[in-house]
Every structure is written in C-alpha cells, then in structure tokens.
PDB file of N, CA and C in Angstrom:
ATOM      1  N   MET A   1      -9.159  47.296 -49.732  1.00  0.00           N
ATOM      2  CA  MET A   1      -8.333  46.555 -48.823  1.00  0.00           C
ATOM      3  C   MET A   1      -9.206  45.985 -47.702  1.00  0.00           C
ATOM      4  N   SER A   2      -8.997  44.698 -47.365  1.00  0.00           N
ATOM      5  CA  SER A   2      -9.825  44.090 -46.334  1.00  0.00           C
ATOM      6  C   SER A   2      -9.120  44.153 -44.992  1.00  0.00           C
ATOM      7  N   ASP A   3      -9.906  44.245 -43.964  1.00  0.00           N
ATOM      8  CA  ASP A   3      -9.377  44.281 -42.601  1.00  0.00           C
ATOM      9  C   ASP A   3      -9.170  42.843 -42.135  1.00  0.00           C
ATOM     10  N   SER A   4      -7.957  42.473 -41.692  1.00  0.00           N
ATOM     11  CA  SER A   4      -7.661  41.099 -41.284  1.00  0.00           C
ATOM     12  C   SER A   4      -8.154  40.804 -39.875  1.00  0.00           C
ATOM     13  N   HIS A   5      -8.510  41.819 -39.114  1.00  0.00           N
ATOM     14  CA  HIS A   5      -8.988  41.615 -37.749  1.00  0.00           C
ATOM     15  C   HIS A   5     -10.454  41.213 -37.778  1.00  0.00           C
ATOM     16  N   GLN A   6     -10.771  40.131 -37.060  1.00  0.00           N
ATOM     17  CA  GLN A   6     -12.150  39.685 -36.988  1.00  0.00           C
ATOM     18  C   GLN A   6     -12.650  39.876 -35.571  1.00  0.00           C
ATOM     19  N   GLY A   7     -13.833  40.359 -35.442  1.00  0.00           N
ATOM     20  CA  GLY A   7     -14.412  40.620 -34.131  1.00  0.00           C
ATOM     21  C   GLY A   7     -14.948  39.355 -33.501  1.00  0.00           C
ATOM     22  N   PRO A   8     -15.448  39.445 -32.287  1.00  0.00           N
ATOM     23  CA  PRO A   8     -15.992  38.269 -31.615  1.00  0.00           C
ATOM     24  C   PRO A   8     -17.206  37.726 -32.356  1.00  0.00           C
ATOM     25  N   GLY A   9     -17.284  36.405 -32.440  1.00  0.00           N
ATOM     26  CA  GLY A   9     -18.397  35.770 -33.117  1.00  0.00           C
ATOM     27  C   GLY A   9     -18.231  35.695 -34.612  1.00  0.00           C
ATOM     28  N   GLN A  10     -17.131  36.178 -35.115  1.00  0.00           N
ATOM     29  CA  GLN A  10     -16.867  36.139 -36.549  1.00  0.00           C
ATOM     30  C   GLN A  10     -15.663  35.261 -36.786  1.00  0.00           C
ATOM     31  N   GLY A  11     -15.643  34.529 -37.850  1.00  0.00           N
ATOM     32  CA  GLY A  11     -14.464  33.747 -38.172  1.00  0.00           C
ATOM     33  C   GLY A  11     -14.745  32.266 -38.126  1.00  0.00           C
ATOM     34  N   PRO A  12     -13.687  31.474 -38.060  1.00  0.00           N
ATOM     35  CA  PRO A  12     -13.840  30.029 -38.194  1.00  0.00           C
ATOM     36  C   PRO A  12     -14.466  29.342 -36.988  1.00  0.00           C
ATOM     37  N   GLY A  13     -14.386  29.890 -35.803  1.00  0.00           N
ATOM     38  CA  GLY A  13     -14.900  29.239 -34.597  1.00  0.00           C
ATOM     39  C   GLY A  13     -16.397  29.387 -34.463  1.00  0.00           C
ATOM     40  N   PRO A  14     -16.984  28.673 -33.513  1.00  0.00           N
ATOM     41  CA  PRO A  14     -18.425  28.803 -33.294  1.00  0.00           C
ATOM     42  C   PRO A  14     -18.758  30.171 -32.730  1.00  0.00           C
ATOM     43  N   GLY A  15     -19.985  30.584 -32.925  1.00  0.00           N
ATOM     44  CA  GLY A  15     -20.422  31.887 -32.444  1.00  0.00           C
ATOM     45  C   GLY A  15     -20.582  31.897 -30.936  1.00  0.00           C
ATOM     46  N   PRO A  16     -21.019  33.016 -30.394  1.00  0.00           N
ATOM     47  CA  PRO A  16     -21.148  33.124 -28.942  1.00  0.00           C
ATOM     48  C   PRO A  16     -22.333  32.365 -28.367  1.00  0.00           C
ATOM     49  N   GLY A  17     -23.175  31.770 -29.189  1.00  0.00           N
ATOM     50  CA  GLY A  17     -24.322  31.021 -28.692  1.00  0.00           C
ATOM     51  C   GLY A  17     -25.610  31.756 -28.994  1.00  0.00           C
ATOM     52  N   PRO A  18     -26.742  31.146 -28.630  1.00  0.00           N
ATOM     53  CA  PRO A  18     -28.026  31.783 -28.925  1.00  0.00           C
ATOM     54  C   PRO A  18     -28.259  32.997 -28.048  1.00  0.00           C
ATOM     55  N   ASP A  19     -29.103  33.860 -28.542  1.00  0.00           N
ATOM     56  CA  ASP A  19     -29.474  35.051 -27.793  1.00  0.00           C
ATOM     57  C   ASP A  19     -30.365  34.626 -26.623  1.00  0.00           C
ATOM     58  N   PRO A  20     -29.990  34.912 -25.374  1.00  0.00           N
ATOM     59  CA  PRO A  20     -30.798  34.486 -24.229  1.00  0.00           C
ATOM     60  C   PRO A  20     -32.217  35.038 -24.258  1.00  0.00           C
ATOM     61  N   ASP A  21     -32.406  36.189 -24.878  1.00  0.00           N
ATOM     62  CA  ASP A  21     -33.744  36.769 -24.930  1.00  0.00           C
ATOM     63  C   ASP A  21     -34.667  35.984 -25.845  1.00  0.00           C
ATOM     64  N   ARG A  22     -34.101  35.204 -26.786  1.00  0.00           N
ATOM     65  CA  ARG A  22     -34.918  34.451 -27.730  1.00  0.00           C
ATOM     66  C   ARG A  22     -34.829  32.939 -27.499  1.00  0.00           C
ATOM     67  N   ALA A  23     -34.153  32.481 -26.473  1.00  0.00           N
ATOM     68  CA  ALA A  23     -34.009  31.044 -26.217  1.00  0.00           C
ATOM     69  C   ALA A  23     -35.343  30.481 -25.733  1.00  0.00           C
ATOM     70  N   PRO A  24     -35.767  29.321 -26.263  1.00  0.00           N
ATOM     71  CA  PRO A  24     -37.050  28.757 -25.833  1.00  0.00           C
ATOM     72  C   PRO A  24     -36.964  28.199 -24.416  1.00  0.00           C
ATOM     73  N   GLY A  25     -38.061  28.290 -23.681  1.00  0.00           N
ATOM     74  CA  GLY A  25     -38.137  27.695 -22.359  1.00  0.00           C
ATOM     75  C   GLY A  25     -37.614  28.546 -21.236  1.00  0.00           C
ATOM     76  N   LEU A  26     -37.188  29.769 -21.505  1.00  0.00           N
ATOM     77  CA  LEU A  26     -36.686  30.625 -20.441  1.00  0.00           C
ATOM     78  C   LEU A  26     -37.731  31.667 -20.069  1.00  0.00           C
ATOM     79  N   GLU A  27     -37.909  31.872 -18.790  1.00  0.00           N
ATOM     80  CA  GLU A  27     -38.787  32.919 -18.308  1.00  0.00           C
ATOM     81  C   GLU A  27     -37.994  34.207 -18.224  1.00  0.00           C
ATOM     82  N   PRO A  28     -38.655  35.329 -18.110  1.00  0.00           N
ATOM     83  CA  PRO A  28     -37.921  36.586 -17.928  1.00  0.00           C
ATOM     84  C   PRO A  28     -37.054  36.506 -16.677  1.00  0.00           C
ATOM     85  N   GLY A  29     -35.833  36.925 -16.784  1.00  0.00           N
ATOM     86  CA  GLY A  29     -34.887  36.864 -15.679  1.00  0.00           C
ATOM     87  C   GLY A  29     -34.031  35.611 -15.715  1.00  0.00           C
ATOM     88  N   GLY A  30     -34.271  34.721 -16.671  1.00  0.00           N
ATOM     89  CA  GLY A  30     -33.416  33.550 -16.843  1.00  0.00           C
ATOM     90  C   GLY A  30     -33.914  32.294 -16.168  1.00  0.00           C
ATOM     91  N   GLY A  31     -35.065  32.312 -15.496  1.00  0.00           N
ATOM     92  CA  GLY A  31     -35.579  31.116 -14.833  1.00  0.00           C
ATOM     93  C   GLY A  31     -36.126  30.115 -15.838  1.00  0.00           C
ATOM     94  N   VAL A  32     -36.310  28.903 -15.399  1.00  0.00           N
ATOM     95  CA  VAL A  32     -36.849  27.847 -16.247  1.00  0.00           C
ATOM     96  C   VAL A  32     -38.188  27.432 -15.655  1.00  0.00           C
ATOM     97  N   PRO A  33     -39.254  27.412 -16.473  1.00  0.00           N
ATOM     98  CA  PRO A  33     -40.562  27.042 -15.934  1.00  0.00           C
ATOM     99  C   PRO A  33     -40.619  25.559 -15.602  1.00  0.00           C
ATOM    100  N   PRO A  34     -41.512  25.168 -14.684  1.00  0.00           N
ATOM    101  CA  PRO A  34     -41.665  23.743 -14.361  1.00  0.00           C
ATOM    102  C   PRO A  34     -42.052  22.949 -15.604  1.00  0.00           C
ATOM    103  N   GLY A  35     -41.535  21.765 -15.706  1.00  0.00           N
ATOM    104  CA  GLY A  35     -41.813  20.925 -16.858  1.00  0.00           C
ATOM    105  C   GLY A  35     -40.758  21.029 -17.942  1.00  0.00           C
ATOM    106  N   GLU A  36     -39.926  22.034 -17.900  1.00  0.00           N
ATOM    107  CA  GLU A  36     -38.863  22.189 -18.884  1.00  0.00           C
ATOM    108  C   GLU A  36     -37.614  21.420 -18.484  1.00  0.00           C
ATOM    109  N   THR A  37     -37.504  21.064 -17.227  1.00  0.00           N
ATOM    110  CA  THR A  37     -36.329  20.318 -16.760  1.00  0.00           C
ATOM    111  C   THR A  37     -36.743  18.876 -16.481  1.00  0.00           C
ATOM    112  N   PRO A  38     -35.828  17.937 -16.633  1.00  0.00           N
ATOM    113  CA  PRO A  38     -36.169  16.542 -16.352  1.00  0.00           C
ATOM    114  C   PRO A  38     -36.357  16.333 -14.850  1.00  0.00           C
ATOM    115  N   PRO A  39     -37.100  15.308 -14.460  1.00  0.00           N
ATOM    116  CA  PRO A  39     -37.291  15.046 -13.030  1.00  0.00           C
ATOM    117  C   PRO A  39     -35.988  14.621 -12.365  1.00  0.00           C
ATOM    118  N   GLY A  40     -35.908  14.818 -11.072  1.00  0.00           N
ATOM    119  CA  GLY A  40     -34.720  14.429 -10.318  1.00  0.00           C
ATOM    120  C   GLY A  40     -34.562  12.924 -10.289  1.00  0.00           C
ATOM    121  N   GLU A  41     -33.374  12.472  -9.928  1.00  0.00           N
ATOM    122  CA  GLU A  41     -33.099  11.042  -9.868  1.00  0.00           C
ATOM    123  C   GLU A  41     -33.867  10.409  -8.714  1.00  0.00           C
ATOM    124  N   GLY A  42     -34.175   9.160  -8.878  1.00  0.00           N
ATOM    125  CA  GLY A  42     -34.888   8.427  -7.843  1.00  0.00           C
ATOM    126  C   GLY A  42     -33.969   7.911  -6.755  1.00  0.00           C
ATOM    127  N   GLY A  43     -32.674   8.092  -6.886  1.00  0.00           N
ATOM    128  CA  GLY A  43     -31.721   7.594  -5.904  1.00  0.00           C
ATOM    129  C   GLY A  43     -31.141   6.262  -6.345  1.00  0.00           C
ATOM    130  N   LEU A  44     -30.268   5.739  -5.532  1.00  0.00           N
ATOM    131  CA  LEU A  44     -29.599   4.481  -5.860  1.00  0.00           C
ATOM    132  C   LEU A  44     -29.982   3.369  -4.900  1.00  0.00           C
ATOM    133  N   SER A  45     -31.117   3.513  -4.250  1.00  0.00           N
ATOM    134  CA  SER A  45     -31.475   2.513  -3.246  1.00  0.00           C
ATOM    135  C   SER A  45     -31.725   1.141  -3.855  1.00  0.00           C
ATOM    136  N   GLY A  46     -32.124   1.065  -5.098  1.00  0.00           N
ATOM    137  CA  GLY A  46     -32.399  -0.224  -5.711  1.00  0.00           C
ATOM    138  C   GLY A  46     -31.292  -0.708  -6.618  1.00  0.00           C
ATOM    139  N   ALA A  47     -30.163  -0.039  -6.623  1.00  0.00           N
ATOM    140  CA  ALA A  47     -29.081  -0.405  -7.529  1.00  0.00           C
ATOM    141  C   ALA A  47     -28.287  -1.585  -6.977  1.00  0.00           C
ATOM    142  N   GLY A  48     -27.971  -2.530  -7.822  1.00  0.00           N
ATOM    143  CA  GLY A  48     -27.120  -3.644  -7.445  1.00  0.00           C
ATOM    144  C   GLY A  48     -27.863  -4.751  -6.733  1.00  0.00           C
ATOM    145  N   PRO A  49     -27.170  -5.873  -6.567  1.00  0.00           N
ATOM    146  CA  PRO A  49     -27.813  -7.005  -5.890  1.00  0.00           C
ATOM    147  C   PRO A  49     -27.918  -6.772  -4.386  1.00  0.00           C
ATOM    148  N   ARG A  50     -28.837  -7.461  -3.779  1.00  0.00           N
ATOM    149  CA  ARG A  50     -29.020  -7.324  -2.336  1.00  0.00           C
ATOM    150  C   ARG A  50     -27.891  -8.046  -1.609  1.00  0.00           C
ATOM    151  N   GLU A  51     -27.328  -7.389  -0.621  1.00  0.00           N
ATOM    152  CA  GLU A  51     -26.263  -8.012   0.169  1.00  0.00           C
ATOM    153  C   GLU A  51     -26.900  -8.904   1.229  1.00  0.00           C
ATOM    154  N   THR A  52     -26.440 -10.148   1.267  1.00  0.00           N
ATOM    155  CA  THR A  52     -26.991 -11.075   2.241  1.00  0.00           C
ATOM    156  C   THR A  52     -26.040 -11.334   3.398  1.00  0.00           C
ATOM    157  N   HIS A  53     -24.763 -11.016   3.235  1.00  0.00           N
ATOM    158  CA  HIS A  53     -23.786 -11.253   4.301  1.00  0.00           C
ATOM    159  C   HIS A  53     -23.171  -9.924   4.719  1.00  0.00           C
ATOM    160  N   ASN A  54     -23.571  -9.432   5.857  1.00  0.00           N
ATOM    161  CA  ASN A  54     -23.004  -8.208   6.417  1.00  0.00           C
ATOM    162  C   ASN A  54     -22.476  -8.518   7.809  1.00  0.00           C
ATOM    163  N   PRO A  55     -21.150  -8.698   7.944  1.00  0.00           N
ATOM    164  CA  PRO A  55     -20.617  -8.954   9.276  1.00  0.00           C
ATOM    165  C   PRO A  55     -20.887  -7.761  10.192  1.00  0.00           C
ATOM    166  N   THR A  56     -21.383  -8.043  11.369  1.00  0.00           N
ATOM    167  CA  THR A  56     -21.741  -6.962  12.290  1.00  0.00           C
ATOM    168  C   THR A  56     -20.645  -6.668  13.295  1.00  0.00           C
ATOM    169  N   ARG A  57     -19.702  -7.585  13.463  1.00  0.00           N
ATOM    170  CA  ARG A  57     -18.652  -7.371  14.445  1.00  0.00           C
ATOM    171  C   ARG A  57     -17.387  -6.931  13.735  1.00  0.00           C
ATOM    172  N   GLY A  58     -16.422  -6.466  14.496  1.00  0.00           N
ATOM    173  CA  GLY A  58     -15.170  -5.964  13.958  1.00  0.00           C
ATOM    174  C   GLY A  58     -14.321  -7.030  13.299  1.00  0.00           C
ATOM    175  N   TRP A  59     -13.036  -6.921  13.472  1.00  0.00           N
ATOM    176  CA  TRP A  59     -12.090  -7.827  12.833  1.00  0.00           C
ATOM    177  C   TRP A  59     -12.273  -9.250  13.336  1.00  0.00           C
ATOM    178  N   ALA A  60     -11.992 -10.192  12.460  1.00  0.00           N
ATOM    179  CA  ALA A  60     -12.013 -11.598  12.855  1.00  0.00           C
ATOM    180  C   ALA A  60     -10.754 -11.906  13.672  1.00  0.00           C
ATOM    181  N   LYS A  61     -10.770 -13.013  14.394  1.00  0.00           N
ATOM    182  CA  LYS A  61      -9.628 -13.360  15.253  1.00  0.00           C
ATOM    183  C   LYS A  61      -8.393 -13.725  14.438  1.00  0.00           C
ATOM    184  N   GLY A  62      -8.569 -14.372  13.296  1.00  0.00           N
ATOM    185  CA  GLY A  62      -7.431 -14.801  12.478  1.00  0.00           C
ATOM    186  C   GLY A  62      -6.516 -13.656  12.052  1.00  0.00           C
ATOM    187  N   PRO A  63      -7.037 -12.625  11.412  1.00  0.00           N
ATOM    188  CA  PRO A  63      -6.171 -11.507  11.012  1.00  0.00           C
ATOM    189  C   PRO A  63      -5.521 -10.808  12.200  1.00  0.00           C
ATOM    190  N   LEU A  64      -6.242 -10.677  13.314  1.00  0.00           N
ATOM    191  CA  LEU A  64      -5.653 -10.018  14.483  1.00  0.00           C
ATOM    192  C   LEU A  64      -4.493 -10.836  15.052  1.00  0.00           C
ATOM    193  N   VAL A  65      -4.639 -12.162  15.099  1.00  0.00           N
ATOM    194  CA  VAL A  65      -3.563 -13.026  15.591  1.00  0.00           C
ATOM    195  C   VAL A  65      -2.360 -12.932  14.653  1.00  0.00           C
ATOM    196  N   LEU A  66      -2.606 -12.945  13.359  1.00  0.00           N
ATOM    197  CA  LEU A  66      -1.517 -12.850  12.387  1.00  0.00           C
ATOM    198  C   LEU A  66      -0.755 -11.524  12.529  1.00  0.00           C
ATOM    199  N   ILE A  67      -1.472 -10.428  12.675  1.00  0.00           N
ATOM    200  CA  ILE A  67      -0.813  -9.124  12.851  1.00  0.00           C
ATOM    201  C   ILE A  67      -0.033  -9.101  14.156  1.00  0.00           C
ATOM    202  N   ALA A  68      -0.603  -9.658  15.224  1.00  0.00           N
ATOM    203  CA  ALA A  68       0.097  -9.690  16.511  1.00  0.00           C
ATOM    204  C   ALA A  68       1.383 -10.510  16.407  1.00  0.00           C
ATOM    205  N   LEU A  69       1.352 -11.637  15.690  1.00  0.00           N
ATOM    206  CA  LEU A  69       2.563 -12.449  15.515  1.00  0.00           C
ATOM    207  C   LEU A  69       3.638 -11.701  14.729  1.00  0.00           C
ATOM    208  N   VAL A  70       3.248 -10.996  13.687  1.00  0.00           N
ATOM    209  CA  VAL A  70       4.223 -10.239  12.885  1.00  0.00           C
ATOM    210  C   VAL A  70       4.850  -9.141  13.740  1.00  0.00           C
ATOM    211  N   VAL A  71       4.031  -8.433  14.509  1.00  0.00           N
ATOM    212  CA  VAL A  71       4.558  -7.378  15.384  1.00  0.00           C
ATOM    213  C   VAL A  71       5.487  -7.978  16.437  1.00  0.00           C
ATOM    214  N   LEU A  72       5.120  -9.121  16.999  1.00  0.00           N
ATOM    215  CA  LEU A  72       5.958  -9.786  17.996  1.00  0.00           C
ATOM    216  C   LEU A  72       7.296 -10.222  17.396  1.00  0.00           C
ATOM    217  N   LEU A  73       7.272 -10.778  16.189  1.00  0.00           N
ATOM    218  CA  LEU A  73       8.514 -11.168  15.519  1.00  0.00           C
ATOM    219  C   LEU A  73       9.432  -9.969  15.288  1.00  0.00           C
ATOM    220  N   PHE A  74       8.871  -8.842  14.844  1.00  0.00           N
ATOM    221  CA  PHE A  74       9.687  -7.641  14.652  1.00  0.00           C
ATOM    222  C   PHE A  74      10.267  -7.160  15.980  1.00  0.00           C
ATOM    223  N   ALA A  75       9.459  -7.185  17.040  1.00  0.00           N
ATOM    224  CA  ALA A  75       9.942  -6.739  18.346  1.00  0.00           C
ATOM    225  C   ALA A  75      11.080  -7.632  18.833  1.00  0.00           C
ATOM    226  N   VAL A  76      10.933  -8.947  18.688  1.00  0.00           N
ATOM    227  CA  VAL A  76      11.998  -9.870  19.093  1.00  0.00           C
ATOM    228  C   VAL A  76      13.236  -9.640  18.234  1.00  0.00           C
ATOM    229  N   GLY A  77      13.052  -9.420  16.956  1.00  0.00           N
ATOM    230  CA  GLY A  77      14.195  -9.163  16.068  1.00  0.00           C
ATOM    231  C   GLY A  77      14.943  -7.894  16.452  1.00  0.00           C
ATOM    232  N   PHE A  78      14.216  -6.814  16.736  1.00  0.00           N
ATOM    233  CA  PHE A  78      14.875  -5.571  17.142  1.00  0.00           C
ATOM    234  C   PHE A  78      15.567  -5.726  18.493  1.00  0.00           C
ATOM    235  N   LEU A  79      14.962  -6.462  19.409  1.00  0.00           N
ATOM    236  CA  LEU A  79      15.564  -6.691  20.716  1.00  0.00           C
ATOM    237  C   LEU A  79      16.846  -7.512  20.574  1.00  0.00           C
ATOM    238  N   ALA A  80      16.809  -8.546  19.750  1.00  0.00           N
ATOM    239  CA  ALA A  80      18.007  -9.364  19.525  1.00  0.00           C
ATOM    240  C   ALA A  80      19.108  -8.538  18.857  1.00  0.00           C
ATOM    241  N   TYR A  81      18.743  -7.660  17.935  1.00  0.00           N
ATOM    242  CA  TYR A  81      19.728  -6.803  17.267  1.00  0.00           C
ATOM    243  C   TYR A  81      20.352  -5.842  18.273  1.00  0.00           C
ATOM    244  N   ALA A  82      19.505  -5.280  19.182  1.00  0.00           N
ATOM    245  CA  ALA A  82      20.017  -4.332  20.178  1.00  0.00           C
ATOM    246  C   ALA A  82      20.962  -5.045  21.148  1.00  0.00           C
ATOM    247  N   VAL A  83      20.689  -6.277  21.523  1.00  0.00           N
ATOM    248  CA  VAL A  83      21.551  -7.017  22.448  1.00  0.00           C
ATOM    249  C   VAL A  83      22.839  -7.407  21.741  1.00  0.00           C
ATOM    250  N   TYR A  84      22.750  -7.793  20.468  1.00  0.00           N
ATOM    251  CA  TYR A  84      23.914  -8.249  19.709  1.00  0.00           C
ATOM    252  C   TYR A  84      24.890  -7.100  19.437  1.00  0.00           C
ATOM    253  N   VAL A  85      24.378  -5.916  19.135  1.00  0.00           N
ATOM    254  CA  VAL A  85      25.247  -4.774  18.788  1.00  0.00           C
ATOM    255  C   VAL A  85      25.625  -4.091  20.020  1.00  0.00           C
TER     256      VAL A  85
END
C-alpha cells in the first residue's frame, strides 16, 4: 500500500531550491564576493532630451486673472442669491 501523503519538496511542484551550501558564488555565511554582482546603475542624469525652456517664475498672469474672474463670478452669484432669497 502506498502512502498518499507527500513531504516537502516531493510531488508535482518545484523543489525547495538549491542547497545554499553548494550554490556557486556564495562565501561562507551567505555573502557574495566582489565581481559576482553586476555594477550599480550610472543614474538617470543623461536620460531624455535636454530641456531648453524652464520657466523660473511662478504662475503666469493669464491663468491667475482667469481664476480670479471665476472666483469673482461665484462670489457675485452667491451674493445675488443671498439678497434674492
């Protein structure tokens, strides 16, 4: 009679992985020697096109005037509603 229970690492799924004591490139204690890892990234300083237009001042006058007009219209509308009711 066969036992239907399968222990860890047995059966249809993948095993638990390689034995850490026999894995290549590992030093005792689990460290990795220099040269076994890829070099770090050089950064993103050269990525993308160079920006030639960088506005140094805040908002332009046009958007600020437009926002002020919208706020003024709402204020006048609420004031007219309050007087009417």
